[in-house]
C-alpha atoms as a PDB file:
ATOM      1  CA  MET A   1      54.659  99.146 180.476  1.00  0.00           C
ATOM      2  CA  THR A   2      57.045 101.341 179.072  1.00  0.00           C
ATOM      3  CA  ARG A   3      57.499 103.114 175.567  1.00  0.00           C
ATOM      4  CA  GLU A   4      60.742 104.751 174.574  1.00  0.00           C
ATOM      5  CA  THR A   5      60.546 108.139 172.226  1.00  0.00           C
ATOM      6  CA  THR A   6      63.676 109.517 170.915  1.00  0.00           C
ATOM      7  CA  CYS A   7      63.829 112.649 169.175  1.00  0.00           C
ATOM      8  CA  TRP A   8      66.328 115.031 167.819  1.00  0.00           C
ATOM      9  CA  ILE A   9      66.188 118.702 169.871  1.00  0.00           C
ATOM     10  CA  PRO A  10      65.698 121.471 167.291  1.00  0.00           C
ATOM     11  CA  GLU A  11      67.350 124.617 166.989  1.00  0.00           C
ATOM     12  CA  GLY A  12      63.973 126.644 168.006  1.00  0.00           C
ATOM     13  CA  LEU A  13      64.165 124.657 171.496  1.00  0.00           C
ATOM     14  CA  ALA A  14      67.540 125.519 172.453  1.00  0.00           C
ATOM     15  CA  GLY A  15      67.752 127.114 175.877  1.00  0.00           C
ATOM     16  CA  GLU A  16      64.365 125.876 176.719  1.00  0.00           C
ATOM     17  CA  ARG A  17      63.374 124.217 180.385  1.00  0.00           C
ATOM     18  CA  THR A  18      62.914 120.004 179.583  1.00  0.00           C
ATOM     19  CA  ASP A  19      59.724 119.988 180.984  1.00  0.00           C
ATOM     20  CA  VAL A  20      58.378 122.845 178.415  1.00  0.00           C
ATOM     21  CA  GLY A  21      60.363 121.499 175.608  1.00  0.00           C
ATOM     22  CA  LEU A  22      59.113 117.797 175.949  1.00  0.00           C
ATOM     23  CA  ALA A  23      55.704 118.932 175.823  1.00  0.00           C
ATOM     24  CA  ARG A  24      55.927 120.820 172.725  1.00  0.00           C
ATOM     25  CA  LEU A  25      57.967 118.159 171.028  1.00  0.00           C
ATOM     26  CA  LEU A  26      55.557 114.906 172.377  1.00  0.00           C
ATOM     27  CA  GLY A  27      52.051 117.051 172.689  1.00  0.00           C
ATOM     28  CA  ILE A  28      51.884 116.638 176.082  1.00  0.00           C
ATOM     29  CA  SER A  29      50.998 118.523 179.385  1.00  0.00           C
ATOM     30  CA  ARG A  30      53.678 120.262 181.189  1.00  0.00           C
ATOM     31  CA  THR A  31      52.841 118.689 184.413  1.00  0.00           C
ATOM     32  CA  GLN A  32      53.321 115.300 182.643  1.00  0.00           C
ATOM     33  CA  ALA A  33      56.472 116.284 180.877  1.00  0.00           C
ATOM     34  CA  ALA A  34      57.827 117.340 184.361  1.00  0.00           C
ATOM     35  CA  ALA A  35      56.337 114.062 186.310  1.00  0.00           C
ATOM     36  CA  LEU A  36      58.736 112.237 183.820  1.00  0.00           C
ATOM     37  CA  ALA A  37      61.743 114.165 184.450  1.00  0.00           C
ATOM     38  CA  GLU A  38      61.527 113.856 187.857  1.00  0.00           C
ATOM     39  CA  GLU A  39      61.159 110.162 187.917  1.00  0.00           C
ATOM     40  CA  GLY A  40      64.393 109.823 185.594  1.00  0.00           C
ATOM     41  CA  ARG A  41      62.692 108.848 182.387  1.00  0.00           C
ATOM     42  CA  VAL A  42      63.866 111.341 180.499  1.00  0.00           C
ATOM     43  CA  GLU A  43      68.056 111.373 179.107  1.00  0.00           C
ATOM     44  CA  VAL A  44      69.642 114.112 176.264  1.00  0.00           C
ATOM     45  CA  ASP A  45      72.526 112.240 174.658  1.00  0.00           C
ATOM     46  CA  GLY A  46      72.034 109.217 177.132  1.00  0.00           C
ATOM     47  CA  ALA A  47      72.440 111.380 180.573  1.00  0.00           C
ATOM     48  CA  ARG A  48      68.858 111.967 182.529  1.00  0.00           C
ATOM     49  CA  VAL A  49      67.636 115.798 183.022  1.00  0.00           C
ATOM     50  CA  GLY A  50      65.241 117.423 185.051  1.00  0.00           C
ATOM     51  CA  LYS A  51      62.500 119.097 184.507  1.00  0.00           C
ATOM     52  CA  SER A  52      64.412 122.784 184.672  1.00  0.00           C
ATOM     53  CA  ASP A  53      67.658 121.395 182.953  1.00  0.00           C
ATOM     54  CA  PRO A  54      67.887 123.213 179.468  1.00  0.00           C
ATOM     55  CA  LEU A  55      67.971 121.287 176.549  1.00  0.00           C
ATOM     56  CA  PRO A  56      70.790 121.906 173.666  1.00  0.00           C
ATOM     57  CA  ALA A  57      70.498 121.832 170.442  1.00  0.00           C
ATOM     58  CA  GLY A  58      71.060 119.134 168.609  1.00  0.00           C
ATOM     59  CA  GLY A  59      71.113 117.098 171.606  1.00  0.00           C
ATOM     60  CA  LEU A  60      68.714 113.525 171.208  1.00  0.00           C
ATOM     61  CA  LEU A  61      66.293 113.651 173.932  1.00  0.00           C
ATOM     62  CA  SER A  62      64.754 109.862 175.373  1.00  0.00           C
ATOM     63  CA  ALA A  63      61.606 109.921 176.936  1.00  0.00           C
ATOM     64  CA  LYS A  64      60.132 106.724 178.512  1.00  0.00           C
ATOM     65  CA  LEU A  65      56.368 106.983 178.553  1.00  0.00           C
ATOM     66  CA  ARG A  66      53.577 104.819 180.191  1.00  0.00           C
ATOM     67  CA  VAL A  67      51.574 103.467 177.765  1.00  0.00           C
ATOM     68  CA  ALA A  68      48.702  99.855 177.622  1.00  0.00           C
ATOM     69  CA  ALA A  69      50.648  96.823 176.228  1.00  0.00           C
ATOM     70  CA  PRO A  70      50.064  96.079 172.712  1.00  0.00           C
ATOM     71  CA  PRO A  71      48.656  93.265 171.195  1.00  0.00           C
ATOM     72  CA  GLY A  72      52.515  92.728 169.274  1.00  0.00           C
ATOM     73  CA  PRO A  73      52.714  91.683 166.028  1.00  0.00           C
ATOM     74  CA  PRO A  74      50.422  89.205 164.736  1.00  0.00           C
ATOM     75  CA  PRO A  75      51.861  85.650 164.893  1.00  0.00           C
ATOM     76  CA  GLU A  76      53.260  84.364 161.131  1.00  0.00           C
ATOM     77  CA  GLU A  77      50.322  82.140 161.030  1.00  0.00           C
ATOM     78  CA  ASP A  78      47.650  84.586 161.473  1.00  0.00           C
ATOM     79  CA  VAL A  79      48.757  86.625 158.852  1.00  0.00           C
ATOM     80  CA  ALA A  80      46.336  86.814 155.962  1.00  0.00           C
ATOM     81  CA  ASP A  81      47.540  85.523 152.623  1.00  0.00           C
ATOM     82  CA  ASP A  82      46.818  89.095 150.536  1.00  0.00           C
ATOM     83  CA  VAL A  83      48.875  91.150 153.502  1.00  0.00           C
ATOM     84  CA  LEU A  84      51.923  90.687 151.186  1.00  0.00           C
ATOM     85  CA  PRO A  85      51.325  90.995 147.528  1.00  0.00           C
ATOM     86  CA  ILE A  86      52.926  89.881 145.114  1.00  0.00           C
ATOM     87  CA  VAL A  87      53.223  91.782 142.147  1.00  0.00           C
ATOM     88  CA  TYR A  88      55.806  89.546 139.972  1.00  0.00           C
ATOM     89  CA  ARG A  89      56.708  85.854 140.179  1.00  0.00           C
ATOM     90  CA  ASP A  90      58.619  83.150 137.864  1.00  0.00           C
ATOM     91  CA  ALA A  91      61.284  79.677 138.495  1.00  0.00           C
ATOM     92  CA  ASP A  92      63.555  82.396 139.857  1.00  0.00           C
ATOM     93  CA  LEU A  93      62.485  85.223 141.814  1.00  0.00           C
ATOM     94  CA  VAL A  94      59.451  87.049 143.425  1.00  0.00           C
ATOM     95  CA  ILE A  95      58.443  90.710 143.729  1.00  0.00           C
ATOM     96  CA  VAL A  96      56.680  91.316 146.603  1.00  0.00           C
ATOM     97  CA  ASP A  97      54.617  94.587 147.798  1.00  0.00           C
ATOM     98  CA  LYS A  98      55.682  94.656 151.179  1.00  0.00           C
ATOM     99  CA  PRO A  99      53.302  96.255 154.003  1.00  0.00           C
ATOM    100  CA  VAL A 100      54.912  98.200 156.779  1.00  0.00           C
ATOM    101  CA  GLY A 101      55.024  96.277 159.850  1.00  0.00           C
ATOM    102  CA  ILE A 102      56.894  93.204 158.124  1.00  0.00           C
ATOM    103  CA  ALA A 103      59.922  92.554 158.134  1.00  0.00           C
ATOM    104  CA  ALA A 104      61.988  91.001 155.810  1.00  0.00           C
ATOM    105  CA  HIS A 105      63.135  88.053 157.777  1.00  0.00           C
ATOM    106  CA  VAL A 106      63.742  87.273 161.324  1.00  0.00           C
ATOM    107  CA  GLY A 107      65.919  89.206 163.484  1.00  0.00           C
ATOM    108  CA  PRO A 108      67.174  90.601 167.383  1.00  0.00           C
ATOM    109  CA  GLY A 109      63.973  91.487 169.287  1.00  0.00           C
ATOM    110  CA  TRP A 110      61.487  90.625 166.543  1.00  0.00           C
ATOM    111  CA  SER A 111      58.837  88.111 166.786  1.00  0.00           C
ATOM    112  CA  GLY A 112      56.175  89.370 164.047  1.00  0.00           C
ATOM    113  CA  PRO A 113      55.915  88.220 160.769  1.00  0.00           C
ATOM    114  CA  THR A 114      58.482  88.415 158.043  1.00  0.00           C
ATOM    115  CA  VAL A 115      58.306  88.256 153.853  1.00  0.00           C
ATOM    116  CA  LEU A 116      60.648  84.849 154.033  1.00  0.00           C
ATOM    117  CA  GLY A 117      58.189  83.304 156.975  1.00  0.00           C
ATOM    118  CA  ILE A 118      54.912  84.027 154.634  1.00  0.00           C
ATOM    119  CA  LEU A 119      56.542  83.233 150.922  1.00  0.00           C
ATOM    120  CA  ALA A 120      57.526  79.604 152.751  1.00  0.00           C
ATOM    121  CA  ARG A 121      54.299  79.584 154.182  1.00  0.00           C
ATOM    122  CA  ARG A 122      53.111  80.077 150.754  1.00  0.00           C
ATOM    123  CA  GLY A 123      54.811  76.922 149.275  1.00  0.00           C
ATOM    124  CA  VAL A 124      56.612  79.566 147.770  1.00  0.00           C
ATOM    125  CA  SER A 125      60.436  77.833 147.158  1.00  0.00           C
ATOM    126  CA  LEU A 126      63.617  80.216 147.883  1.00  0.00           C
ATOM    127  CA  ALA A 127      67.142  80.394 147.593  1.00  0.00           C
ATOM    128  CA  SER A 128      69.280  78.138 148.998  1.00  0.00           C
ATOM    129  CA  GLU A 129      72.125  80.420 148.873  1.00  0.00           C
ATOM    130  CA  GLY A 130      72.471  83.096 151.321  1.00  0.00           C
ATOM    131  CA  PRO A 131      72.999  82.979 154.881  1.00  0.00           C
ATOM    132  CA  ALA A 132      70.396  80.756 157.189  1.00  0.00           C
ATOM    133  CA  GLU A 133      68.363  82.913 158.479  1.00  0.00           C
ATOM    134  CA  ARG A 134      67.706  85.457 155.155  1.00  0.00           C
ATOM    135  CA  GLN A 135      68.313  83.199 152.375  1.00  0.00           C
ATOM    136  CA  GLY A 136      66.690  84.152 148.998  1.00  0.00           C
ATOM    137  CA  ILE A 137      67.462  87.762 150.173  1.00  0.00           C
ATOM    138  CA  VAL A 138      68.947  90.475 147.995  1.00  0.00           C
ATOM    139  CA  GLN A 139      68.096  93.176 149.415  1.00  0.00           C
ATOM    140  CA  ARG A 140      65.736  94.632 152.695  1.00  0.00           C
ATOM    141  CA  LEU A 141      63.278  97.094 153.862  1.00  0.00           C
ATOM    142  CA  ASP A 142      62.832  98.546 156.962  1.00  0.00           C
ATOM    143  CA  VAL A 143      60.050  97.043 159.189  1.00  0.00           C
ATOM    144  CA  GLY A 144      58.702 100.534 158.992  1.00  0.00           C
ATOM    145  CA  THR A 145      58.879 101.018 155.225  1.00  0.00           C
ATOM    146  CA  SER A 146      56.573  99.702 152.655  1.00  0.00           C
ATOM    147  CA  GLY A 147      56.859  98.789 148.536  1.00  0.00           C
ATOM    148  CA  LEU A 148      58.347  96.797 146.323  1.00  0.00           C
ATOM    149  CA  MET A 149      61.470  93.919 147.506  1.00  0.00           C
ATOM    150  CA  ALA A 150      63.005  91.358 145.221  1.00  0.00           C
ATOM    151  CA  VAL A 151      63.405  87.327 146.768  1.00  0.00           C
ATOM    152  CA  ALA A 152      65.675  85.340 145.064  1.00  0.00           C
ATOM    153  CA  CYS A 153      64.494  81.224 144.418  1.00  0.00           C
ATOM    154  CA  SER A 154      66.854  79.977 142.492  1.00  0.00           C
ATOM    155  CA  ASN A 155      70.083  80.077 143.463  1.00  0.00           C
ATOM    156  CA  VAL A 156      71.442  81.069 139.781  1.00  0.00           C
ATOM    157  CA  ALA A 157      69.208  84.135 140.415  1.00  0.00           C
ATOM    158  CA  TYR A 158      70.487  84.679 144.097  1.00  0.00           C
ATOM    159  CA  ARG A 159      74.075  85.426 142.864  1.00  0.00           C
ATOM    160  CA  GLY A 160      72.654  87.811 139.478  1.00  0.00           C
ATOM    161  CA  LEU A 161      70.990  89.678 141.855  1.00  0.00           C
ATOM    162  CA  LYS A 162      73.283  89.876 144.537  1.00  0.00           C
ATOM    163  CA  ARG A 163      75.962  91.213 141.690  1.00  0.00           C
ATOM    164  CA  ALA A 164      73.594  93.372 139.945  1.00  0.00           C
ATOM    165  CA  PHE A 165      72.603  95.213 143.439  1.00  0.00           C
ATOM    166  CA  LYS A 166      76.473  95.138 144.383  1.00  0.00           C
ATOM    167  CA  GLN A 167      77.135  96.630 140.939  1.00  0.00           C
ATOM    168  CA  ARG A 168      74.557  99.517 140.487  1.00  0.00           C
ATOM    169  CA  GLU A 169      72.573  97.808 138.034  1.00  0.00           C
ATOM    170  CA  VAL A 170      69.129  97.833 139.841  1.00  0.00           C
ATOM    171  CA  SER A 171      67.027 101.289 139.485  1.00  0.00           C
ATOM    172  CA  LYS A 172      65.664 101.260 142.876  1.00  0.00           C
ATOM    173  CA  THR A 173      62.825 104.725 143.315  1.00  0.00           C
ATOM    174  CA  TYR A 174      61.422 105.661 146.414  1.00  0.00           C
ATOM    175  CA  HIS A 175      59.157 108.516 147.247  1.00  0.00           C
ATOM    176  CA  ALA A 176      59.869 110.233 150.629  1.00  0.00           C
ATOM    177  CA  ALA A 177      57.767 113.262 152.531  1.00  0.00           C
ATOM    178  CA  VAL A 178      60.548 115.283 154.467  1.00  0.00           C
ATOM    179  CA  HIS A 179      60.092 117.953 156.630  1.00  0.00           C
ATOM    180  CA  GLY A 180      61.125 121.930 155.085  1.00  0.00           C
ATOM    181  CA  LEU A 181      61.856 122.175 151.407  1.00  0.00           C
ATOM    182  CA  LEU A 182      64.927 120.695 150.309  1.00  0.00           C
ATOM    183  CA  ASP A 183      67.355 122.884 148.528  1.00  0.00           C
ATOM    184  CA  PRO A 184      67.966 122.775 145.447  1.00  0.00           C
ATOM    185  CA  MET A 185      65.258 121.108 144.425  1.00  0.00           C
ATOM    186  CA  ARG A 186      67.061 118.597 142.697  1.00  0.00           C
ATOM    187  CA  GLY A 187      70.486 117.546 143.622  1.00  0.00           C
ATOM    188  CA  SER A 188      72.676 114.593 145.179  1.00  0.00           C
ATOM    189  CA  ILE A 189      73.939 113.871 148.757  1.00  0.00           C
ATOM    190  CA  ASP A 190      77.198 111.928 149.020  1.00  0.00           C
ATOM    191  CA  ALA A 191      78.433 111.282 152.106  1.00  0.00           C
ATOM    192  CA  ALA A 192      79.563 107.849 154.114  1.00  0.00           C
ATOM    193  CA  ILE A 193      77.449 106.433 156.524  1.00  0.00           C
ATOM    194  CA  GLY A 194      78.350 104.070 159.840  1.00  0.00           C
ATOM    195  CA  ARG A 195      77.056 103.364 162.774  1.00  0.00           C
ATOM    196  CA  HIS A 196      76.154 106.209 165.300  1.00  0.00           C
ATOM    197  CA  PRO A 197      78.719 106.348 168.422  1.00  0.00           C
ATOM    198  CA  GLY A 198      75.451 106.689 170.492  1.00  0.00           C
ATOM    199  CA  GLY A 199      72.811 104.513 169.642  1.00  0.00           C
ATOM    200  CA  ARG A 200      73.001 100.729 168.510  1.00  0.00           C
ATOM    201  CA  PHE A 201      70.446 100.926 166.006  1.00  0.00           C
ATOM    202  CA  ARG A 202      71.010 104.324 164.398  1.00  0.00           C
ATOM    203  CA  PHE A 203      73.255 105.145 161.624  1.00  0.00           C
ATOM    204  CA  ALA A 204      74.981 108.842 160.834  1.00  0.00           C
ATOM    205  CA  VAL A 205      77.288 110.058 158.454  1.00  0.00           C
ATOM    206  CA  THR A 206      81.009 109.527 159.403  1.00  0.00           C
ATOM    207  CA  GLU A 207      84.286 109.942 158.457  1.00  0.00           C
ATOM    208  CA  GLY A 208      85.113 106.493 158.838  1.00  0.00           C
ATOM    209  CA  GLY A 209      81.735 104.809 157.422  1.00  0.00           C
ATOM    210  CA  LYS A 210      80.678 103.432 154.159  1.00  0.00           C
ATOM    211  CA  ARG A 211      80.434 105.315 150.555  1.00  0.00           C
ATOM    212  CA  ALA A 212      76.615 106.378 150.214  1.00  0.00           C
ATOM    213  CA  VAL A 213      75.445 108.393 147.386  1.00  0.00           C
ATOM    214  CA  THR A 214      71.439 109.434 146.882  1.00  0.00           C
ATOM    215  CA  HIS A 215      69.728 111.454 144.457  1.00  0.00           C
ATOM    216  CA  TYR A 216      66.484 113.199 144.597  1.00  0.00           C
ATOM    217  CA  GLU A 217      63.965 115.630 143.199  1.00  0.00           C
ATOM    218  CA  VAL A 218      61.057 117.545 144.499  1.00  0.00           C
ATOM    219  CA  LEU A 219      57.997 116.272 143.172  1.00  0.00           C
ATOM    220  CA  GLU A 220      55.334 118.178 145.176  1.00  0.00           C
ATOM    221  CA  VAL A 221      55.790 121.271 147.861  1.00  0.00           C
ATOM    222  CA  PHE A 222      53.554 121.595 150.346  1.00  0.00           C
ATOM    223  CA  PRO A 223      53.182 124.464 153.617  1.00  0.00           C
ATOM    224  CA  GLY A 224      56.614 123.207 155.613  1.00  0.00           C
ATOM    225  CA  ALA A 225      57.045 120.032 153.939  1.00  0.00           C
ATOM    226  CA  CYS A 226      57.864 118.727 150.293  1.00  0.00           C
ATOM    227  CA  LEU A 227      57.489 114.830 148.243  1.00  0.00           C
ATOM    228  CA  ALA A 228      60.482 114.101 146.826  1.00  0.00           C
ATOM    229  CA  SER A 229      61.465 111.196 144.523  1.00  0.00           C
ATOM    230  CA  VAL A 230      64.882 109.471 145.541  1.00  0.00           C
ATOM    231  CA  ASP A 231      67.147 106.956 143.581  1.00  0.00           C
ATOM    232  CA  LEU A 232      69.764 105.154 145.061  1.00  0.00           C
ATOM    233  CA  GLU A 233      73.292 105.061 144.050  1.00  0.00           C
ATOM    234  CA  THR A 234      74.243 102.528 146.953  1.00  0.00           C
ATOM    235  CA  GLY A 235      72.081 100.810 149.518  1.00  0.00           C
ATOM    236  CA  ARG A 236      73.380 101.482 153.307  1.00  0.00           C
ATOM    237  CA  THR A 237      71.273 100.467 155.938  1.00  0.00           C
ATOM    238  CA  HIS A 238      68.876 103.600 156.582  1.00  0.00           C
ATOM    239  CA  GLN A 239      70.323 105.712 153.833  1.00  0.00           C
ATOM    240  CA  ILE A 240      67.796 107.861 153.237  1.00  0.00           C
ATOM    241  CA  ARG A 241      66.464 108.620 156.589  1.00  0.00           C
ATOM    242  CA  VAL A 242      70.210 109.832 157.455  1.00  0.00           C
ATOM    243  CA  HIS A 243      71.210 111.592 153.886  1.00  0.00           C
ATOM    244  CA  LEU A 244      67.892 113.481 154.511  1.00  0.00           C
ATOM    245  CA  ALA A 245      68.303 114.474 158.300  1.00  0.00           C
ATOM    246  CA  ALA A 246      71.942 115.168 157.537  1.00  0.00           C
ATOM    247  CA  VAL A 247      71.064 118.248 154.990  1.00  0.00           C
ATOM    248  CA  GLY A 248      68.717 119.207 157.361  1.00  0.00           C
ATOM    249  CA  HIS A 249      65.440 117.303 156.253  1.00  0.00           C
ATOM    250  CA  PRO A 250      64.835 114.629 158.031  1.00  0.00           C
ATOM    251  CA  LEU A 251      61.275 111.996 156.923  1.00  0.00           C
ATOM    252  CA  LEU A 252      58.206 112.984 158.331  1.00  0.00           C
ATOM    253  CA  GLY A 253      57.214 110.803 160.997  1.00  0.00           C
ATOM    254  CA  ASP A 254      60.776 109.546 161.759  1.00  0.00           C
ATOM    255  CA  PRO A 255      61.643 110.874 165.188  1.00  0.00           C
ATOM    256  CA  LEU A 256      64.769 108.719 165.735  1.00  0.00           C
ATOM    257  CA  TYR A 257      66.155 110.849 163.103  1.00  0.00           C
ATOM    258  CA  GLY A 258      64.893 114.622 163.506  1.00  0.00           C
ATOM    259  CA  GLY A 259      61.477 114.422 162.534  1.00  0.00           C
ATOM    260  CA  ASN A 260      58.793 116.025 164.897  1.00  0.00           C
ATOM    261  CA  PRO A 261      56.223 113.552 166.904  1.00  0.00           C
ATOM    262  CA  ARG A 262      53.494 116.617 166.772  1.00  0.00           C
ATOM    263  CA  GLU A 263      53.631 116.694 163.365  1.00  0.00           C
ATOM    264  CA  ALA A 264      53.348 112.713 162.777  1.00  0.00           C
ATOM    265  CA  GLU A 265      50.663 112.961 165.152  1.00  0.00           C
ATOM    266  CA  ARG A 266      48.182 115.559 163.377  1.00  0.00           C
ATOM    267  CA  LEU A 267      49.181 113.641 159.880  1.00  0.00           C
ATOM    268  CA  GLY A 268      48.268 110.875 161.029  1.00  0.00           C
ATOM    269  CA  LEU A 269      51.380 109.111 160.953  1.00  0.00           C
ATOM    270  CA  GLU A 270      53.085 105.815 163.189  1.00  0.00           C
ATOM    271  CA  ARG A 271      55.605 105.366 161.119  1.00  0.00           C
ATOM    272  CA  GLN A 272      58.337 106.910 158.392  1.00  0.00           C
ATOM    273  CA  TRP A 273      57.064 108.753 155.224  1.00  0.00           C
ATOM    274  CA  LEU A 274      58.964 106.073 153.102  1.00  0.00           C
ATOM    275  CA  HIS A 275      57.511 104.007 150.106  1.00  0.00           C
ATOM    276  CA  ALA A 276      59.624 101.811 147.434  1.00  0.00           C
ATOM    277  CA  VAL A 277      57.535 103.037 144.208  1.00  0.00           C
ATOM    278  CA  GLN A 278      59.733 101.493 141.448  1.00  0.00           C
ATOM    279  CA  LEU A 279      62.251  98.593 140.895  1.00  0.00           C
ATOM    280  CA  GLY A 280      63.475  97.663 138.053  1.00  0.00           C
ATOM    281  CA  PHE A 281      66.372  94.893 136.572  1.00  0.00           C
ATOM    282  CA  THR A 282      67.737  92.554 134.196  1.00  0.00           C
ATOM    283  CA  HIS A 283      66.109  89.088 135.112  1.00  0.00           C
ATOM    284  CA  PRO A 284      69.636  87.448 135.579  1.00  0.00           C
ATOM    285  CA  VAL A 285      68.381  84.058 133.632  1.00  0.00           C
ATOM    286  CA  THR A 286      66.167  84.871 131.052  1.00  0.00           C
ATOM    287  CA  GLY A 287      68.123  88.579 130.493  1.00  0.00           C
ATOM    288  CA  GLU A 288      64.650  90.062 129.970  1.00  0.00           C
ATOM    289  CA  GLN A 289      63.912  93.299 131.340  1.00  0.00           C
ATOM    290  CA  VAL A 290      61.649  93.767 135.093  1.00  0.00           C
ATOM    291  CA  ARG A 291      59.919  96.989 136.360  1.00  0.00           C
ATOM    292  CA  ALA A 292      57.504  96.661 139.120  1.00  0.00           C
ATOM    293  CA  GLU A 293      55.959  99.476 140.483  1.00  0.00           C
ATOM    294  CA  SER A 294      53.483 100.225 144.226  1.00  0.00           C
ATOM    295  CA  PRO A 295      51.004 102.745 144.915  1.00  0.00           C
ATOM    296  CA  TYR A 296      50.991 104.444 148.203  1.00  0.00           C
ATOM    297  CA  PRO A 297      49.438 102.557 151.028  1.00  0.00           C
ATOM    298  CA  ALA A 298      46.423 103.998 152.925  1.00  0.00           C
ATOM    299  CA  ASP A 299      48.208 105.944 155.157  1.00  0.00           C
ATOM    300  CA  LEU A 300      50.786 107.560 153.587  1.00  0.00           C
ATOM    301  CA  THR A 301      48.201 108.830 150.981  1.00  0.00           C
ATOM    302  CA  GLN A 302      46.184 110.435 154.413  1.00  0.00           C
ATOM    303  CA  ALA A 303      49.353 112.272 155.397  1.00  0.00           C
ATOM    304  CA  LEU A 304      49.702 113.735 151.974  1.00  0.00           C
ATOM    305  CA  GLU A 305      45.766 114.721 151.756  1.00  0.00           C
ATOM    306  CA  ARG A 306      46.353 116.390 155.612  1.00  0.00           C
ATOM    307  CA  LEU A 307      49.443 117.840 154.054  1.00  0.00           C
ATOM    308  CA  ARG A 308      47.424 119.156 151.200  1.00  0.00           C
ATOM    309  CA  GLY A 309      44.707 120.513 152.826  1.00  0.00           C
ATOM    310  CA  VAL A 310      42.428 118.014 151.157  1.00  0.00           C
ATOM    311  CA  GLU A 311      41.709 116.280 154.643  1.00  0.00           C
ATOM    312  CA  GLN A 312      41.287 118.268 158.222  1.00  0.00           C
END
């Protein structure tokens, strides 16, 4: 079977032959890269390229690699109960600490475990309002993003939380590790986001998109990277990934938005370094303040240790 790897072509590879640039980006031999191009498995901006064609800076490079068939995501019933910790629960809502590899709800092309499916199997009653496939969902995290996520159990909580998210009354803090050093080290990104014209599952800063605002502050600096705390004023799909890539600092482990695959391999990352560390809001029924925090999972901790030089 094949696996498609997609990444942006950095300025440093502009004008390089396709086989040379592909080898450097993916950490494969030049012979392997040339073979992929000759077999029509390499495209730039949707058009096939030959092994000697020069690479354009900023182009979107896609390569179809031969890989062994993976086992695939486990069926819902095979997921252990402790895989999805519940950090807060009452009659009206739950907050879960979602790991990577679990989707918020069912969707096109996803046959693996979901937050809603696991909660239902545990006997957690969910709100009946909302679209059928995502009843109770008031916020979503990507399959490749870990951390805190709230789910409504009652209809009154569903309506209250949806309103709170829409009116920006919910505190949502993420930590993100990115390429390079954000400058200034504390700032905001206010740029509309819409669907990318060249990718069905990709988003971009566009003139006709919906307004999106991201606030950030650098927490720690490493050689060639930094760790930042990110607060969302809005909640657009892929907002953090798109905004940070747009200012030249894509997430580590996120080749779809410009992350370097070789650096991700060095750090042991198989997904973007992004974690929802804190969630806070006023309880929609009791009026009490609800706040939850989540520690970094093992893969993100390991990547940080390698960035710090603690683990070689």
